[in-house]
């Protein structure tokens, strides 16, 4: 596994494995590796020694999954702009939804851009001549001797 450590990292996966395998007291290991005792306890309790992601496991949102489904359905079926959809959602579904939260919800579900939801305009078929009724008829007559 490829890891990227910052310049002042005090532990590496190899050092963390040594900490977990060692039977020395926590205070001794903390002094040896110049880390806190809480860090030593943390690495002793883990089975893997690589950094875990720091992103949230649960999104902070005011809408429940059912309310998100309602917002997506309204956006797709009625083709409402974000501000109009926000007014509808605040009035009938969730009064404390924010504009940015609703926008993130729509983007997450792939309906953030209203132009992509509109059907493409139909192009007129190519016609070689104009299709209109003639108004006047001009005729040249040639007399032969």
Protein backbone atom coordinates (compact mmCIF):
# COMPACT_ATOMS: atom_id res chain seq x y z
CA UNK A 1 0.00 0.00 0.00
CA UNK A 2 1.36 3.39 -0.96
CA UNK A 3 1.36 5.85 1.93
CA UNK A 4 2.13 9.54 2.08
CA UNK A 5 3.46 10.85 5.37
CA UNK A 6 3.72 14.51 6.18
CA UNK A 7 7.10 16.03 7.07
CA UNK A 8 6.67 15.86 10.82
CA UNK A 9 5.07 12.43 11.12
CA UNK A 10 6.32 10.66 14.23
CA UNK A 11 5.04 7.19 13.44
CA UNK A 12 5.03 5.05 10.33
CA UNK A 13 3.18 1.77 9.78
CA UNK A 14 6.36 -0.11 10.76
CA UNK A 15 6.72 1.84 14.03
CA UNK A 16 3.02 1.33 14.76
CA UNK A 17 3.41 -2.44 14.30
CA UNK A 18 6.35 -2.36 16.74
CA UNK A 19 4.21 -0.47 19.26
CA UNK A 20 1.41 -3.02 18.95
CA UNK A 21 3.81 -5.98 19.31
CA UNK A 22 5.75 -4.52 22.26
CA UNK A 23 4.94 -5.55 25.83
CA UNK A 24 6.72 -2.58 27.44
CA UNK A 25 4.71 -0.10 29.53
CA UNK A 26 2.84 2.66 27.75
CA UNK A 27 4.90 5.43 29.35
CA UNK A 28 8.20 3.91 28.19
CA UNK A 29 7.01 3.57 24.60
CA UNK A 30 5.60 7.09 24.61
CA UNK A 31 8.99 8.51 25.66
CA UNK A 32 10.89 6.34 23.16
CA UNK A 33 8.79 7.33 20.14
CA UNK A 34 8.07 10.89 21.34
CA UNK A 35 4.30 10.52 21.17
CA UNK A 36 1.53 10.72 23.74
CA UNK A 37 0.36 7.78 25.79
CA UNK A 38 -3.05 8.02 24.10
CA UNK A 39 -1.32 7.43 20.75
CA UNK A 40 0.36 4.29 22.11
CA UNK A 41 -2.96 2.98 23.42
CA UNK A 42 -4.65 3.75 20.10
CA UNK A 43 -2.12 1.77 18.04
CA UNK A 44 -2.15 -1.13 20.49
CA UNK A 45 -5.92 -1.46 20.08
CA UNK A 46 -5.85 -1.55 16.28
CA UNK A 47 -5.31 -4.53 14.00
CA UNK A 48 -4.15 -2.55 10.95
CA UNK A 49 -1.47 0.10 11.09
CA UNK A 50 -2.35 2.35 8.17
CA UNK A 51 -4.04 5.72 8.45
CA UNK A 52 -7.81 5.71 8.12
CA UNK A 53 -9.68 8.36 6.14
CA UNK A 54 -10.83 11.42 8.04
CA UNK A 55 -13.99 12.01 6.03
CA UNK A 56 -17.30 11.71 7.81
CA UNK A 57 -19.07 8.37 7.55
CA UNK A 58 -22.47 10.04 7.72
CA UNK A 59 -23.38 13.17 5.82
CA UNK A 60 -24.59 16.14 7.85
CA UNK A 61 -27.92 16.90 6.25
CA UNK A 62 -31.31 18.05 7.48
CA UNK A 63 -33.19 15.94 4.93
CA UNK A 64 -34.03 12.31 5.55
CA UNK A 65 -33.57 9.84 2.66
CA UNK A 66 -37.32 9.91 2.02
CA UNK A 67 -37.32 13.72 1.86
CA UNK A 68 -34.33 13.62 -0.50
CA UNK A 69 -36.29 11.27 -2.77
CA UNK A 70 -39.20 13.73 -2.76
CA UNK A 71 -36.88 16.61 -3.68
CA UNK A 72 -35.32 14.64 -6.54
CA UNK A 73 -38.73 13.57 -7.83
CA UNK A 74 -40.07 17.14 -7.73
CA UNK A 75 -37.00 18.46 -9.50
CA UNK A 76 -37.20 15.85 -12.26
CA UNK A 77 -40.94 15.88 -12.81
CA UNK A 78 -41.74 19.58 -12.45
CA UNK A 79 -38.36 20.90 -13.66
CA UNK A 80 -38.30 23.51 -10.91
CA UNK A 81 -35.36 25.83 -10.43
CA UNK A 82 -33.40 25.55 -7.18
CA UNK A 83 -35.08 28.58 -5.60
CA UNK A 84 -38.58 27.42 -6.56
CA UNK A 85 -37.85 23.92 -5.29
CA UNK A 86 -36.50 25.39 -2.06
CA UNK A 87 -39.75 27.29 -1.51
CA UNK A 88 -41.82 24.14 -2.10
CA UNK A 89 -39.61 22.01 0.16
CA UNK A 90 -39.72 24.59 2.97
CA UNK A 91 -43.48 24.96 2.70
CA UNK A 92 -44.53 21.32 2.49
CA UNK A 93 -41.67 18.95 3.38
CA UNK A 94 -38.94 20.32 5.67
CA UNK A 95 -39.11 23.90 6.97
CA UNK A 96 -35.44 24.11 7.98
CA UNK A 97 -33.79 22.93 4.76
CA UNK A 98 -31.07 25.27 3.47
CA UNK A 99 -30.49 26.25 -0.13
CA UNK A 100 -26.95 24.89 -0.14
CA UNK A 101 -28.07 21.62 1.49
CA UNK A 102 -30.76 21.15 -1.14
CA UNK A 103 -28.25 21.91 -3.90
CA UNK A 104 -25.81 19.32 -2.50
CA UNK A 105 -28.63 16.79 -2.32
CA UNK A 106 -29.58 17.32 -5.97
CA UNK A 107 -25.95 17.11 -7.09
CA UNK A 108 -25.46 13.91 -5.10
CA UNK A 109 -28.37 12.33 -6.97
CA UNK A 110 -27.20 13.61 -10.37
CA UNK A 111 -29.98 16.12 -11.02
CA UNK A 112 -28.13 19.30 -10.08
CA UNK A 113 -28.18 20.79 -13.57
CA UNK A 114 -31.67 21.63 -14.85
CA UNK A 115 -30.49 21.92 -18.47
CA UNK A 116 -29.48 18.25 -18.48
CA UNK A 117 -33.02 17.27 -17.46
CA UNK A 118 -34.72 19.12 -20.30
CA UNK A 119 -35.40 17.07 -23.45
CA UNK A 120 -33.17 18.07 -26.37
CA UNK A 121 -34.84 20.41 -28.85
CA UNK A 122 -36.03 18.74 -32.01
CA UNK A 123 -34.22 19.81 -35.14
CA UNK A 124 -36.30 20.42 -38.23
CA UNK A 125 -35.64 18.00 -41.06
CA UNK A 126 -33.50 19.43 -43.84
CA UNK A 127 -35.56 20.43 -46.86
CA UNK A 128 -33.89 21.33 -50.14
CA UNK A 129 -36.61 23.81 -51.13
CA UNK A 130 -38.92 26.09 -49.25
CA UNK A 131 -42.28 24.57 -48.51
CA UNK A 132 -44.84 27.26 -49.30
CA UNK A 133 -47.59 27.76 -51.83
CA UNK A 134 -46.64 29.93 -54.81
CA UNK A 135 -48.31 33.33 -54.82
CA UNK A 136 -47.78 34.35 -58.45
CA UNK A 137 -46.96 32.35 -61.48
CA UNK A 138 -44.70 33.85 -64.13
CA UNK A 139 -44.67 32.22 -67.52
CA UNK A 140 -42.54 33.13 -70.54
CA UNK A 141 -44.02 32.34 -73.92
CA UNK A 142 -41.88 31.92 -77.04
CA UNK A 143 -43.45 32.19 -80.52
CA UNK A 144 -41.84 29.99 -83.12
CA UNK A 145 -42.05 30.97 -86.82
